[in-house]
C-alpha atoms as a PDB file:
ATOM      1  CA  MET A   1       0.254  -0.219  -0.044  1.00  0.00           C
ATOM      2  CA  ARG A   2       1.203   3.756  -0.643  1.00  0.00           C
ATOM      3  CA  ARG A   3      -0.064   6.721   0.766  1.00  0.00           C
ATOM      4  CA  ALA A   4       0.402  10.328  -0.046  1.00  0.00           C
ATOM      5  CA  LYS A   5      -0.428  13.096   2.112  1.00  0.00           C
ATOM      6  CA  VAL A   6      -1.903  16.675   1.145  1.00  0.00           C
ATOM      7  CA  GLY A   7      -2.553  18.935   4.312  1.00  0.00           C
ATOM      8  CA  LEU A   8      -4.883  21.263   2.445  1.00  0.00           C
ATOM      9  CA  ILE A   9      -7.065  22.822   4.982  1.00  0.00           C
ATOM     10  CA  ASP A  10     -11.001  23.410   4.637  1.00  0.00           C
ATOM     11  CA  GLY A  11     -12.665  26.163   2.968  1.00  0.00           C
ATOM     12  CA  ALA A  12     -10.420  29.368   2.450  1.00  0.00           C
ATOM     13  CA  GLY A  13      -7.042  29.342   2.830  1.00  0.00           C
ATOM     14  CA  ASN A  14      -5.606  27.189   0.410  1.00  0.00           C
ATOM     15  CA  THR A  15      -3.627  28.720  -2.559  1.00  0.00           C
ATOM     16  CA  PRO A  16      -4.046  27.231  -6.554  1.00  0.00           C
ATOM     17  CA  ALA A  17      -0.308  25.772  -6.757  1.00  0.00           C
ATOM     18  CA  HIS A  18      -1.379  23.329  -3.686  1.00  0.00           C
ATOM     19  CA  LEU A  19      -4.322  22.614  -4.501  1.00  0.00           C
ATOM     20  CA  ALA A  20      -3.399  21.791  -8.068  1.00  0.00           C
ATOM     21  CA  ALA A  21       0.017  19.611  -6.189  1.00  0.00           C
ATOM     22  CA  ALA A  22      -3.213  17.641  -4.834  1.00  0.00           C
ATOM     23  CA  VAL A  23      -4.366  16.205  -7.942  1.00  0.00           C
ATOM     24  CA  LEU A  24      -0.759  15.962  -8.956  1.00  0.00           C
ATOM     25  CA  ALA A  25       0.000  13.797  -6.684  1.00  0.00           C
ATOM     26  CA  LEU A  26      -3.130  12.057  -7.251  1.00  0.00           C
ATOM     27  CA  GLU A  27      -2.289  11.133 -10.901  1.00  0.00           C
ATOM     28  CA  GLY A  28       0.983   9.978 -10.213  1.00  0.00           C
ATOM     29  CA  LEU A  29      -0.072   7.735  -7.383  1.00  0.00           C
ATOM     30  CA  VAL A  30      -2.307   6.289 -10.671  1.00  0.00           C
ATOM     31  CA  THR A  31      -0.212   6.132 -12.918  1.00  0.00           C
ATOM     32  CA  GLN A  32       2.849   5.730 -11.982  1.00  0.00           C
ATOM     33  CA  ALA A  33       4.548   2.545 -13.228  1.00  0.00           C
ATOM     34  CA  SER A  34       6.920   0.801 -10.568  1.00  0.00           C
ATOM     35  CA  PRO A  35       9.608  -1.256 -11.943  1.00  0.00           C
ATOM     36  CA  GLY A  36       9.968  -2.959  -8.737  1.00  0.00           C
ATOM     37  CA  LYS A  37      13.121  -4.111  -6.818  1.00  0.00           C
ATOM     38  CA  PRO A  38      13.428  -7.559  -4.967  1.00  0.00           C
ATOM     39  CA  ASN A  39      13.727  -5.915  -1.689  1.00  0.00           C
ATOM     40  CA  TYR A  40      10.746  -4.161  -1.986  1.00  0.00           C
ATOM     41  CA  PRO A  41       6.919  -6.149  -1.818  1.00  0.00           C
ATOM     42  CA  ALA A  42       5.973  -6.350  -5.578  1.00  0.00           C
ATOM     43  CA  HIS A  43       3.651  -3.268  -6.759  1.00  0.00           C
ATOM     44  CA  ARG A  44       0.740  -3.840  -8.674  1.00  0.00           C
ATOM     45  CA  ALA A  45      -2.286  -1.540  -9.919  1.00  0.00           C
ATOM     46  CA  GLY A  46      -5.259  -1.158  -7.606  1.00  0.00           C
ATOM     47  CA  HIS A  47      -7.884   1.133  -6.114  1.00  0.00           C
ATOM     48  CA  VAL A  48      -7.479   4.239  -4.575  1.00  0.00           C
ATOM     49  CA  LEU A  49      -8.919   5.939  -1.751  1.00  0.00           C
ATOM     50  CA  VAL A  50      -9.110   9.893  -1.889  1.00  0.00           C
ATOM     51  CA  ASN A  51     -10.275  11.040   1.693  1.00  0.00           C
ATOM     52  CA  CYS A  52     -10.306  14.344   4.232  1.00  0.00           C
ATOM     53  CA  ARG A  53     -12.142  14.277   7.273  1.00  0.00           C
ATOM     54  CA  GLY A  54     -15.303  14.080   5.823  1.00  0.00           C
ATOM     55  CA  GLY A  55     -14.968  13.326   3.041  1.00  0.00           C
ATOM     56  CA  ARG A  56     -17.045  16.288   1.471  1.00  0.00           C
ATOM     57  CA  SER A  57     -15.024  19.409   0.456  1.00  0.00           C
ATOM     58  CA  ARG A  58     -11.542  19.008  -0.194  1.00  0.00           C
ATOM     59  CA  SER A  59     -11.482  15.082  -0.988  1.00  0.00           C
ATOM     60  CA  VAL A  60     -14.735  15.940  -3.543  1.00  0.00           C
ATOM     61  CA  VAL A  61     -12.775  18.899  -5.405  1.00  0.00           C
ATOM     62  CA  VAL A  62      -9.366  16.743  -5.528  1.00  0.00           C
ATOM     63  CA  LEU A  63     -11.459  14.130  -7.121  1.00  0.00           C
ATOM     64  CA  ALA A  64     -13.520  16.655  -9.178  1.00  0.00           C
ATOM     65  CA  ILE A  65     -10.992  18.394 -10.760  1.00  0.00           C
ATOM     66  CA  TYR A  66      -9.017  15.006 -11.740  1.00  0.00           C
ATOM     67  CA  LEU A  67     -12.157  13.150 -13.032  1.00  0.00           C
ATOM     68  CA  HIS A  68     -13.209  16.560 -15.595  1.00  0.00           C
ATOM     69  CA  LEU A  69      -9.244  16.628 -16.954  1.00  0.00           C
ATOM     70  CA  ARG A  70      -9.097  12.647 -17.092  1.00  0.00           C
ATOM     71  CA  ALA A  71     -12.680  11.710 -18.217  1.00  0.00           C
ATOM     72  CA  PRO A  72     -14.331  14.884 -19.945  1.00  0.00           C
ATOM     73  CA  GLY A  73     -16.130  12.846 -22.270  1.00  0.00           C
ATOM     74  CA  THR A  74     -18.244  11.385 -18.813  1.00  0.00           C
ATOM     75  CA  PHE A  75     -17.248  14.603 -17.154  1.00  0.00           C
ATOM     76  CA  PRO A  76     -17.163  17.376 -19.200  1.00  0.00           C
ATOM     77  CA  THR A  77     -17.598  20.274 -16.483  1.00  0.00           C
ATOM     78  CA  LEU A  78     -16.428  20.325 -12.814  1.00  0.00           C
ATOM     79  CA  ASP A  79     -19.692  20.752 -11.543  1.00  0.00           C
ATOM     80  CA  SER A  80     -21.032  17.513 -13.520  1.00  0.00           C
ATOM     81  CA  ALA A  81     -18.078  15.924 -11.773  1.00  0.00           C
ATOM     82  CA  VAL A  82     -18.747  17.121  -8.281  1.00  0.00           C
ATOM     83  CA  SER A  83     -22.470  15.848  -8.918  1.00  0.00           C
ATOM     84  CA  HIS A  84     -21.458  12.409  -9.527  1.00  0.00           C
ATOM     85  CA  ILE A  85     -19.100  12.427  -6.114  1.00  0.00           C
ATOM     86  CA  ARG A  86     -21.792  14.289  -4.254  1.00  0.00           C
ATOM     87  CA  ARG A  87     -24.264  11.286  -5.406  1.00  0.00           C
ATOM     88  CA  ALA A  88     -21.579   8.427  -5.043  1.00  0.00           C
ATOM     89  CA  ARG A  89     -20.617   9.473  -1.217  1.00  0.00           C
ATOM     90  CA  GLY A  90     -24.301  10.659  -0.665  1.00  0.00           C
ATOM     91  CA  ASN A  91     -23.315  14.333   0.395  1.00  0.00           C
ATOM     92  CA  SER A  92     -25.830  17.356   0.067  1.00  0.00           C
ATOM     93  CA  ASP A  93     -25.411  20.002  -2.450  1.00  0.00           C
ATOM     94  CA  THR A  94     -24.197  22.269   0.673  1.00  0.00           C
ATOM     95  CA  TYR A  95     -20.327  20.269  -0.457  1.00  0.00           C
ATOM     96  CA  PRO A  96     -18.126  21.048  -1.299  1.00  0.00           C
ATOM     97  CA  LEU A  97     -17.666  24.514   0.351  1.00  0.00           C
ATOM     98  CA  PRO A  98     -17.874  27.237  -1.885  1.00  0.00           C
ATOM     99  CA  PRO A  99     -14.043  28.718  -1.199  1.00  0.00           C
ATOM    100  CA  MET A 100     -13.028  24.911  -2.385  1.00  0.00           C
ATOM    101  CA  LEU A 101     -14.939  25.839  -5.171  1.00  0.00           C
ATOM    102  CA  ASP A 102     -13.935  29.004  -6.029  1.00  0.00           C
ATOM    103  CA  LEU A 103     -10.230  27.619  -5.944  1.00  0.00           C
ATOM    104  CA  ALA A 104     -11.288  24.195  -8.716  1.00  0.00           C
ATOM    105  CA  ARG A 105     -12.243  26.735 -10.863  1.00  0.00           C
ATOM    106  CA  ALA A 106      -9.252  29.271 -10.394  1.00  0.00           C
ATOM    107  CA  VAL A 107      -6.960  26.219 -10.458  1.00  0.00           C
ATOM    108  CA  LEU A 108      -8.996  24.901 -13.769  1.00  0.00           C
ATOM    109  CA  ALA A 109      -9.114  28.393 -15.170  1.00  0.00           C
ATOM    110  CA  SER A 110      -5.211  29.093 -14.611  1.00  0.00           C
ATOM    111  CA  GLY A 111      -4.757  25.841 -17.971  1.00  0.00           C
ATOM    112  CA  SER A 112      -1.652  25.075 -15.894  1.00  0.00           C
ATOM    113  CA  LEU A 113      -3.155  21.293 -14.891  1.00  0.00           C
ATOM    114  CA  PRO A 114      -4.528  19.852 -18.270  1.00  0.00           C
ATOM    115  CA  ALA A 115      -0.907  19.990 -19.805  1.00  0.00           C
ATOM    116  CA  LEU A 116       0.577  17.511 -17.051  1.00  0.00           C
ATOM    117  CA  LEU A 117      -2.552  14.929 -16.902  1.00  0.00           C
ATOM    118  CA  ARG A 118      -2.072  12.359 -20.146  1.00  0.00           C
ATOM    119  CA  GLY A 119      -5.593  12.259 -21.054  1.00  0.00           C
END
């Protein structure tokens, strides 16, 4: 099992670079090919768990950006990805928190991530 922690805070206070780093960390975990080493456990592809304390705001925004950029045919907008995750997690429409959604839109508007995520 591999894990990564990105210290986003709930609500306002995160930077676009920090949120983009979380999305890129997810991309790295999902797409990394490990050649293996004799003294390491064998690496195999598997499931990914993305969570924050409540599973309603930070993790939803990271996943929504990732899904929107990696599967634009299925999730043509950020809002379509957010709606999908809300349904899957049973979250209300009050989440993600507005500052996190605003930050996600700013990250997408910057145009920096699509070139780094292989679509």
